[in-house]
Amino acid sequence: MAQSEKKWWQGEEELRSTGQLVAGGGLSGAVMSVIYLLIGTAFWAAVGFGLDWLLGTTWLVWAGGLLGASAGVYLVYVHMRSGTDS
């Protein structure tokens, strides 16, 4: 195996950032993109759930989930465009 083909788990010292993984594509970029979407949706839906509980409403959990999914898509777009962690 050539030196330039070494992966981080094989002793390469330099790890890539999340933005570099997404911008680079491939399986790791796809996994990071899905993680952005899932974590964003889950976090903001949980915030909406908490606000629903406090305010006695039923629609904020959906608005929070939509906001989180939109934010996740935006983060993936920004990282794919720039290729760095922003």
PDB file of N, CA and C in Angstrom:
ATOM      1  N   MET A   1       0.855  -1.172   0.000  1.00  0.00           N
ATOM      2  CA  MET A   1       0.000   0.000   0.000  1.00  0.00           C
ATOM      3  C   MET A   1       0.901   1.235   0.000  1.00  0.00           C
ATOM      4  N   ALA A   2       0.646   2.150  -0.902  1.00  0.00           N
ATOM      5  CA  ALA A   2       1.442   3.372  -1.001  1.00  0.00           C
ATOM      6  C   ALA A   2       1.191   4.262   0.209  1.00  0.00           C
ATOM      7  N   GLN A   3       2.173   5.085   0.506  1.00  0.00           N
ATOM      8  CA  GLN A   3       2.071   5.968   1.673  1.00  0.00           C
ATOM      9  C   GLN A   3       0.890   6.919   1.543  1.00  0.00           C
ATOM     10  N   SER A   4       0.568   7.390   0.352  1.00  0.00           N
ATOM     11  CA  SER A   4      -0.519   8.353   0.178  1.00  0.00           C
ATOM     12  C   SER A   4      -1.892   7.715   0.360  1.00  0.00           C
ATOM     13  N   GLU A   5      -1.967   6.404   0.371  1.00  0.00           N
ATOM     14  CA  GLU A   5      -3.245   5.722   0.515  1.00  0.00           C
ATOM     15  C   GLU A   5      -3.558   5.347   1.969  1.00  0.00           C
ATOM     16  N   LYS A   6      -2.696   5.711   2.910  1.00  0.00           N
ATOM     17  CA  LYS A   6      -2.950   5.363   4.309  1.00  0.00           C
ATOM     18  C   LYS A   6      -4.182   6.091   4.820  1.00  0.00           C
ATOM     19  N   LYS A   7      -4.971   5.404   5.552  1.00  0.00           N
ATOM     20  CA  LYS A   7      -6.175   5.975   6.158  1.00  0.00           C
ATOM     21  C   LYS A   7      -5.874   6.352   7.596  1.00  0.00           C
ATOM     22  N   TRP A   8      -6.742   7.184   8.196  1.00  0.00           N
ATOM     23  CA  TRP A   8      -6.493   7.632   9.564  1.00  0.00           C
ATOM     24  C   TRP A   8      -6.451   6.483  10.547  1.00  0.00           C
ATOM     25  N   TRP A   9      -7.223   5.427  10.316  1.00  0.00           N
ATOM     26  CA  TRP A   9      -7.223   4.308  11.254  1.00  0.00           C
ATOM     27  C   TRP A   9      -5.982   3.436  11.098  1.00  0.00           C
ATOM     28  N   GLN A  10      -5.184   3.726  10.077  1.00  0.00           N
ATOM     29  CA  GLN A  10      -3.946   2.992   9.873  1.00  0.00           C
ATOM     30  C   GLN A  10      -2.741   3.800  10.345  1.00  0.00           C
ATOM     31  N   GLY A  11      -2.971   4.833  11.110  1.00  0.00           N
ATOM     32  CA  GLY A  11      -1.876   5.580  11.683  1.00  0.00           C
ATOM     33  C   GLY A  11      -1.638   6.950  11.086  1.00  0.00           C
ATOM     34  N   GLU A  12      -2.470   7.396  10.168  1.00  0.00           N
ATOM     35  CA  GLU A  12      -2.299   8.738   9.623  1.00  0.00           C
ATOM     36  C   GLU A  12      -2.585   9.751  10.725  1.00  0.00           C
ATOM     37  N   GLU A  13      -1.737  10.724  10.866  1.00  0.00           N
ATOM     38  CA  GLU A  13      -1.847  11.686  11.964  1.00  0.00           C
ATOM     39  C   GLU A  13      -2.944  12.719  11.721  1.00  0.00           C
ATOM     40  N   GLU A  14      -3.193  13.084  10.478  1.00  0.00           N
ATOM     41  CA  GLU A  14      -4.102  14.173  10.175  1.00  0.00           C
ATOM     42  C   GLU A  14      -5.525  13.649   9.947  1.00  0.00           C
ATOM     43  N   LEU A  15      -6.446  14.048  10.807  1.00  0.00           N
ATOM     44  CA  LEU A  15      -7.853  13.694  10.642  1.00  0.00           C
ATOM     45  C   LEU A  15      -8.541  14.781   9.844  1.00  0.00           C
ATOM     46  N   ARG A  16      -9.586  14.384   9.109  1.00  0.00           N
ATOM     47  CA  ARG A  16     -10.337  15.357   8.314  1.00  0.00           C
ATOM     48  C   ARG A  16     -11.490  15.913   9.133  1.00  0.00           C
ATOM     49  N   SER A  17     -11.862  17.144   8.853  1.00  0.00           N
ATOM     50  CA  SER A  17     -12.990  17.763   9.534  1.00  0.00           C
ATOM     51  C   SER A  17     -14.301  17.274   8.925  1.00  0.00           C
ATOM     52  N   THR A  18     -15.391  17.558   9.592  1.00  0.00           N
ATOM     53  CA  THR A  18     -16.698  17.166   9.102  1.00  0.00           C
ATOM     54  C   THR A  18     -16.980  17.813   7.750  1.00  0.00           C
ATOM     55  N   GLY A  19     -16.643  19.084   7.623  1.00  0.00           N
ATOM     56  CA  GLY A  19     -16.851  19.775   6.353  1.00  0.00           C
ATOM     57  C   GLY A  19     -16.066  19.140   5.223  1.00  0.00           C
ATOM     58  N   GLN A  20     -14.856  18.693   5.494  1.00  0.00           N
ATOM     59  CA  GLN A  20     -14.060  18.029   4.466  1.00  0.00           C
ATOM     60  C   GLN A  20     -14.660  16.682   4.091  1.00  0.00           C
ATOM     61  N   LEU A  21     -15.224  15.968   5.071  1.00  0.00           N
ATOM     62  CA  LEU A  21     -15.867  14.694   4.760  1.00  0.00           C
ATOM     63  C   LEU A  21     -17.078  14.886   3.859  1.00  0.00           C
ATOM     64  N   VAL A  22     -17.903  15.881   4.188  1.00  0.00           N
ATOM     65  CA  VAL A  22     -19.101  16.133   3.384  1.00  0.00           C
ATOM     66  C   VAL A  22     -18.706  16.604   1.995  1.00  0.00           C
ATOM     67  N   ALA A  23     -17.748  17.535   1.922  1.00  0.00           N
ATOM     68  CA  ALA A  23     -17.335  18.067   0.620  1.00  0.00           C
ATOM     69  C   ALA A  23     -16.654  16.997  -0.225  1.00  0.00           C
ATOM     70  N   GLY A  24     -15.970  16.061   0.421  1.00  0.00           N
ATOM     71  CA  GLY A  24     -15.276  15.016  -0.315  1.00  0.00           C
ATOM     72  C   GLY A  24     -16.189  13.948  -0.877  1.00  0.00           C
ATOM     73  N   GLY A  25     -17.413  13.889  -0.381  1.00  0.00           N
ATOM     74  CA  GLY A  25     -18.361  12.894  -0.885  1.00  0.00           C
ATOM     75  C   GLY A  25     -18.031  11.505  -0.376  1.00  0.00           C
ATOM     76  N   GLY A  26     -18.471  10.506  -1.091  1.00  0.00           N
ATOM     77  CA  GLY A  26     -18.243   9.134  -0.703  1.00  0.00           C
ATOM     78  C   GLY A  26     -19.120   8.717   0.468  1.00  0.00           C
ATOM     79  N   LEU A  27     -18.838   7.567   1.020  1.00  0.00           N
ATOM     80  CA  LEU A  27     -19.640   7.024   2.107  1.00  0.00           C
ATOM     81  C   LEU A  27     -19.550   7.880   3.364  1.00  0.00           C
ATOM     82  N   SER A  28     -18.364   8.323   3.722  1.00  0.00           N
ATOM     83  CA  SER A  28     -18.232   9.132   4.942  1.00  0.00           C
ATOM     84  C   SER A  28     -18.956  10.460   4.796  1.00  0.00           C
ATOM     85  N   GLY A  29     -18.915  11.062   3.631  1.00  0.00           N
ATOM     86  CA  GLY A  29     -19.651  12.297   3.405  1.00  0.00           C
ATOM     87  C   GLY A  29     -21.148  12.095   3.468  1.00  0.00           C
ATOM     88  N   ALA A  30     -21.615  10.970   2.932  1.00  0.00           N
ATOM     89  CA  ALA A  30     -23.044  10.666   2.981  1.00  0.00           C
ATOM     90  C   ALA A  30     -23.505  10.421   4.411  1.00  0.00           C
ATOM     91  N   VAL A  31     -22.709   9.707   5.184  1.00  0.00           N
ATOM     92  CA  VAL A  31     -23.055   9.435   6.581  1.00  0.00           C
ATOM     93  C   VAL A  31     -23.104  10.736   7.375  1.00  0.00           C
ATOM     94  N   MET A  32     -22.141  11.621   7.174  1.00  0.00           N
ATOM     95  CA  MET A  32     -22.141  12.895   7.891  1.00  0.00           C
ATOM     96  C   MET A  32     -23.334  13.747   7.481  1.00  0.00           C
ATOM     97  N   SER A  33     -23.723  13.701   6.219  1.00  0.00           N
ATOM     98  CA  SER A  33     -24.897  14.455   5.769  1.00  0.00           C
ATOM     99  C   SER A  33     -26.160  13.954   6.450  1.00  0.00           C
ATOM    100  N   VAL A  34     -26.323  12.650   6.549  1.00  0.00           N
ATOM    101  CA  VAL A  34     -27.499  12.068   7.207  1.00  0.00           C
ATOM    102  C   VAL A  34     -27.473  12.402   8.695  1.00  0.00           C
ATOM    103  N   ILE A  35     -26.299  12.385   9.305  1.00  0.00           N
ATOM    104  CA  ILE A  35     -26.194  12.721  10.726  1.00  0.00           C
ATOM    105  C   ILE A  35     -26.601  14.167  10.964  1.00  0.00           C
ATOM    106  N   TYR A  36     -26.165  15.081  10.090  1.00  0.00           N
ATOM    107  CA  TYR A  36     -26.604  16.473  10.209  1.00  0.00           C
ATOM    108  C   TYR A  36     -28.121  16.565  10.185  1.00  0.00           C
ATOM    109  N   LEU A  37     -28.745  15.864   9.264  1.00  0.00           N
ATOM    110  CA  LEU A  37     -30.204  15.924   9.147  1.00  0.00           C
ATOM    111  C   LEU A  37     -30.889  15.320  10.367  1.00  0.00           C
ATOM    112  N   LEU A  38     -30.432  14.172  10.824  1.00  0.00           N
ATOM    113  CA  LEU A  38     -31.064  13.512  11.963  1.00  0.00           C
ATOM    114  C   LEU A  38     -30.896  14.293  13.268  1.00  0.00           C
ATOM    115  N   ILE A  39     -29.692  14.740  13.529  1.00  0.00           N
ATOM    116  CA  ILE A  39     -29.457  15.464  14.779  1.00  0.00           C
ATOM    117  C   ILE A  39     -30.179  16.803  14.780  1.00  0.00           C
ATOM    118  N   GLY A  40     -30.148  17.511  13.664  1.00  0.00           N
ATOM    119  CA  GLY A  40     -30.857  18.785  13.585  1.00  0.00           C
ATOM    120  C   GLY A  40     -32.353  18.615  13.783  1.00  0.00           C
ATOM    121  N   THR A  41     -32.925  17.622  13.121  1.00  0.00           N
ATOM    122  CA  THR A  41     -34.361  17.377  13.245  1.00  0.00           C
ATOM    123  C   THR A  41     -34.716  16.954  14.659  1.00  0.00           C
ATOM    124  N   ALA A  42     -33.950  16.035  15.231  1.00  0.00           N
ATOM    125  CA  ALA A  42     -34.248  15.547  16.582  1.00  0.00           C
ATOM    126  C   ALA A  42     -34.097  16.647  17.621  1.00  0.00           C
ATOM    127  N   PHE A  43     -33.045  17.445  17.523  1.00  0.00           N
ATOM    128  CA  PHE A  43     -32.830  18.495  18.513  1.00  0.00           C
ATOM    129  C   PHE A  43     -33.946  19.532  18.480  1.00  0.00           C
ATOM    130  N   TRP A  44     -34.249  20.051  17.307  1.00  0.00           N
ATOM    131  CA  TRP A  44     -35.258  21.102  17.233  1.00  0.00           C
ATOM    132  C   TRP A  44     -36.671  20.575  17.453  1.00  0.00           C
ATOM    133  N   ALA A  45     -36.917  19.301  17.135  1.00  0.00           N
ATOM    134  CA  ALA A  45     -38.219  18.714  17.480  1.00  0.00           C
ATOM    135  C   ALA A  45     -38.338  18.578  19.002  1.00  0.00           C
ATOM    136  N   ALA A  46     -37.239  18.249  19.669  1.00  0.00           N
ATOM    137  CA  ALA A  46     -37.264  18.171  21.133  1.00  0.00           C
ATOM    138  C   ALA A  46     -37.493  19.549  21.752  1.00  0.00           C
ATOM    139  N   VAL A  47     -36.888  20.566  21.175  1.00  0.00           N
ATOM    140  CA  VAL A  47     -37.143  21.933  21.644  1.00  0.00           C
ATOM    141  C   VAL A  47     -38.615  22.278  21.436  1.00  0.00           C
ATOM    142  N   GLY A  48     -39.158  21.948  20.279  1.00  0.00           N
ATOM    143  CA  GLY A  48     -40.573  22.193  20.011  1.00  0.00           C
ATOM    144  C   GLY A  48     -41.472  21.414  20.950  1.00  0.00           C
ATOM    145  N   PHE A  49     -41.089  20.184  21.274  1.00  0.00           N
ATOM    146  CA  PHE A  49     -41.859  19.372  22.210  1.00  0.00           C
ATOM    147  C   PHE A  49     -41.893  20.024  23.589  1.00  0.00           C
ATOM    148  N   GLY A  50     -40.736  20.514  24.017  1.00  0.00           N
ATOM    149  CA  GLY A  50     -40.670  21.196  25.311  1.00  0.00           C
ATOM    150  C   GLY A  50     -41.521  22.459  25.331  1.00  0.00           C
ATOM    151  N   LEU A  51     -41.476  23.210  24.247  1.00  0.00           N
ATOM    152  CA  LEU A  51     -42.308  24.407  24.169  1.00  0.00           C
ATOM    153  C   LEU A  51     -43.794  24.050  24.101  1.00  0.00           C
ATOM    154  N   ASP A  52     -44.119  22.973  23.394  1.00  0.00           N
ATOM    155  CA  ASP A  52     -45.508  22.503  23.367  1.00  0.00           C
ATOM    156  C   ASP A  52     -45.985  22.159  24.773  1.00  0.00           C
ATOM    157  N   TRP A  53     -45.137  21.499  25.524  1.00  0.00           N
ATOM    158  CA  TRP A  53     -45.489  21.110  26.894  1.00  0.00           C
ATOM    159  C   TRP A  53     -45.682  22.335  27.773  1.00  0.00           C
ATOM    160  N   LEU A  54     -44.790  23.323  27.632  1.00  0.00           N
ATOM    161  CA  LEU A  54     -44.888  24.536  28.449  1.00  0.00           C
ATOM    162  C   LEU A  54     -46.085  25.406  28.065  1.00  0.00           C
ATOM    163  N   LEU A  55     -46.335  25.527  26.775  1.00  0.00           N
ATOM    164  CA  LEU A  55     -47.361  26.446  26.297  1.00  0.00           C
ATOM    165  C   LEU A  55     -48.718  25.793  26.066  1.00  0.00           C
ATOM    166  N   GLY A  56     -48.784  24.477  26.115  1.00  0.00           N
ATOM    167  CA  GLY A  56     -50.040  23.768  25.914  1.00  0.00           C
ATOM    168  C   GLY A  56     -50.486  23.730  24.461  1.00  0.00           C
ATOM    169  N   THR A  57     -49.538  23.821  23.528  1.00  0.00           N
ATOM    170  CA  THR A  57     -49.868  23.744  22.109  1.00  0.00           C
ATOM    171  C   THR A  57     -49.524  22.358  21.574  1.00  0.00           C
ATOM    172  N   THR A  58     -49.809  22.125  20.310  1.00  0.00           N
ATOM    173  CA  THR A  58     -49.487  20.826  19.711  1.00  0.00           C
ATOM    174  C   THR A  58     -48.726  20.949  18.397  1.00  0.00           C
ATOM    175  N   TRP A  59     -48.466  22.140  17.926  1.00  0.00           N
ATOM    176  CA  TRP A  59     -47.868  22.297  16.608  1.00  0.00           C
ATOM    177  C   TRP A  59     -46.391  22.666  16.623  1.00  0.00           C
ATOM    178  N   LEU A  60     -45.857  23.068  17.756  1.00  0.00           N
ATOM    179  CA  LEU A  60     -44.466  23.509  17.797  1.00  0.00           C
ATOM    180  C   LEU A  60     -43.473  22.372  17.577  1.00  0.00           C
ATOM    181  N   VAL A  61     -43.836  21.155  17.931  1.00  0.00           N
ATOM    182  CA  VAL A  61     -42.937  20.027  17.687  1.00  0.00           C
ATOM    183  C   VAL A  61     -42.725  19.835  16.182  1.00  0.00           C
ATOM    184  N   TRP A  62     -43.764  20.049  15.407  1.00  0.00           N
ATOM    185  CA  TRP A  62     -43.654  19.923  13.947  1.00  0.00           C
ATOM    186  C   TRP A  62     -42.853  21.072  13.359  1.00  0.00           C
ATOM    187  N   ALA A  63     -43.097  22.274  13.872  1.00  0.00           N
ATOM    188  CA  ALA A  63     -42.328  23.432  13.402  1.00  0.00           C
ATOM    189  C   ALA A  63     -40.850  23.276  13.753  1.00  0.00           C
ATOM    190  N   GLY A  64     -40.560  22.765  14.943  1.00  0.00           N
ATOM    191  CA  GLY A  64     -39.177  22.531  15.340  1.00  0.00           C
ATOM    192  C   GLY A  64     -38.505  21.479  14.473  1.00  0.00           C
ATOM    193  N   GLY A  65     -39.219  20.401  14.175  1.00  0.00           N
ATOM    194  CA  GLY A  65     -38.663  19.369  13.300  1.00  0.00           C
ATOM    195  C   GLY A  65     -38.376  19.899  11.908  1.00  0.00           C
ATOM    196  N   LEU A  66     -39.285  20.699  11.376  1.00  0.00           N
ATOM    197  CA  LEU A  66     -39.076  21.301  10.060  1.00  0.00           C
ATOM    198  C   LEU A  66     -37.900  22.272  10.081  1.00  0.00           C
ATOM    199  N   LEU A  67     -37.801  23.064  11.137  1.00  0.00           N
ATOM    200  CA  LEU A  67     -36.675  23.980  11.279  1.00  0.00           C
ATOM    201  C   LEU A  67     -35.353  23.209  11.354  1.00  0.00           C
ATOM    202  N   GLY A  68     -35.321  22.134  12.124  1.00  0.00           N
ATOM    203  CA  GLY A  68     -34.098  21.335  12.258  1.00  0.00           C
ATOM    204  C   GLY A  68     -33.691  20.668  10.965  1.00  0.00           C
ATOM    205  N   ALA A  69     -34.667  20.135  10.230  1.00  0.00           N
ATOM    206  CA  ALA A  69     -34.360  19.504   8.945  1.00  0.00           C
ATOM    207  C   ALA A  69     -33.842  20.545   7.950  1.00  0.00           C
ATOM    208  N   SER A  70     -34.452  21.711   7.958  1.00  0.00           N
ATOM    209  CA  SER A  70     -33.999  22.782   7.065  1.00  0.00           C
ATOM    210  C   SER A  70     -32.585  23.229   7.422  1.00  0.00           C
ATOM    211  N   ALA A  71     -32.311  23.343   8.711  1.00  0.00           N
ATOM    212  CA  ALA A  71     -30.974  23.723   9.148  1.00  0.00           C
ATOM    213  C   ALA A  71     -29.947  22.655   8.771  1.00  0.00           C
ATOM    214  N   GLY A  72     -30.325  21.386   8.871  1.00  0.00           N
ATOM    215  CA  GLY A  72     -29.421  20.312   8.470  1.00  0.00           C
ATOM    216  C   GLY A  72     -29.098  20.350   6.988  1.00  0.00           C
ATOM    217  N   VAL A  73     -30.109  20.595   6.170  1.00  0.00           N
ATOM    218  CA  VAL A  73     -29.893  20.703   4.723  1.00  0.00           C
ATOM    219  C   VAL A  73     -28.984  21.898   4.425  1.00  0.00           C
ATOM    220  N   TYR A  74     -29.217  23.000   5.132  1.00  0.00           N
ATOM    221  CA  TYR A  74     -28.390  24.186   4.927  1.00  0.00           C
ATOM    222  C   TYR A  74     -26.935  23.917   5.312  1.00  0.00           C
ATOM    223  N   LEU A  75     -26.699  23.243   6.432  1.00  0.00           N
ATOM    224  CA  LEU A  75     -25.327  22.925   6.841  1.00  0.00           C
ATOM    225  C   LEU A  75     -24.625  22.030   5.825  1.00  0.00           C
ATOM    226  N   VAL A  76     -25.330  21.037   5.317  1.00  0.00           N
ATOM    227  CA  VAL A  76     -24.742  20.172   4.296  1.00  0.00           C
ATOM    228  C   VAL A  76     -24.388  21.001   3.066  1.00  0.00           C
ATOM    229  N   TYR A  77     -25.277  21.894   2.653  1.00  0.00           N
ATOM    230  CA  TYR A  77     -25.022  22.757   1.498  1.00  0.00           C
ATOM    231  C   TYR A  77     -23.789  23.624   1.725  1.00  0.00           C
ATOM    232  N   VAL A  78     -23.689  24.248   2.900  1.00  0.00           N
ATOM    233  CA  VAL A  78     -22.557  25.124   3.195  1.00  0.00           C
ATOM    234  C   VAL A  78     -21.262  24.329   3.181  1.00  0.00           C
ATOM    235  N   HIS A  79     -21.251  23.144   3.770  1.00  0.00           N
ATOM    236  CA  HIS A  79     -20.021  22.342   3.812  1.00  0.00           C
ATOM    237  C   HIS A  79     -19.647  21.814   2.438  1.00  0.00           C
ATOM    238  N   MET A  80     -20.635  21.469   1.631  1.00  0.00           N
ATOM    239  CA  MET A  80     -20.310  20.991   0.283  1.00  0.00           C
ATOM    240  C   MET A  80     -19.786  22.122  -0.584  1.00  0.00           C
ATOM    241  N   ARG A  81     -20.265  23.310  -0.337  1.00  0.00           N
ATOM    242  CA  ARG A  81     -19.833  24.454  -1.132  1.00  0.00           C
ATOM    243  C   ARG A  81     -18.422  24.908  -0.757  1.00  0.00           C
ATOM    244  N   SER A  82     -18.139  24.935   0.548  1.00  0.00           N
ATOM    245  CA  SER A  82     -16.848  25.469   0.981  1.00  0.00           C
ATOM    246  C   SER A  82     -15.786  24.383   1.184  1.00  0.00           C
ATOM    247  N   GLY A  83     -16.208  23.198   1.605  1.00  0.00           N
ATOM    248  CA  GLY A  83     -15.248  22.127   1.843  1.00  0.00           C
ATOM    249  C   GLY A  83     -14.521  22.234   3.157  1.00  0.00           C
ATOM    250  N   THR A  84     -14.928  23.163   4.023  1.00  0.00           N
ATOM    251  CA  THR A  84     -14.279  23.324   5.309  1.00  0.00           C
ATOM    252  C   THR A  84     -15.339  23.432   6.387  1.00  0.00           C
ATOM    253  N   ASP A  85     -14.928  23.305   7.641  1.00  0.00           N
ATOM    254  CA  ASP A  85     -15.858  23.525   8.751  1.00  0.00           C
ATOM    255  C   ASP A  85     -16.100  25.018   8.872  1.00  0.00           C
ATOM    256  N   SER A  86     -17.365  25.411   8.797  1.00  0.00           N
ATOM    257  CA  SER A  86     -17.702  26.840   8.910  1.00  0.00           C
ATOM    258  C   SER A  86     -18.395  27.098  10.204  1.00  0.00           C
TER     259      SER A  86
END
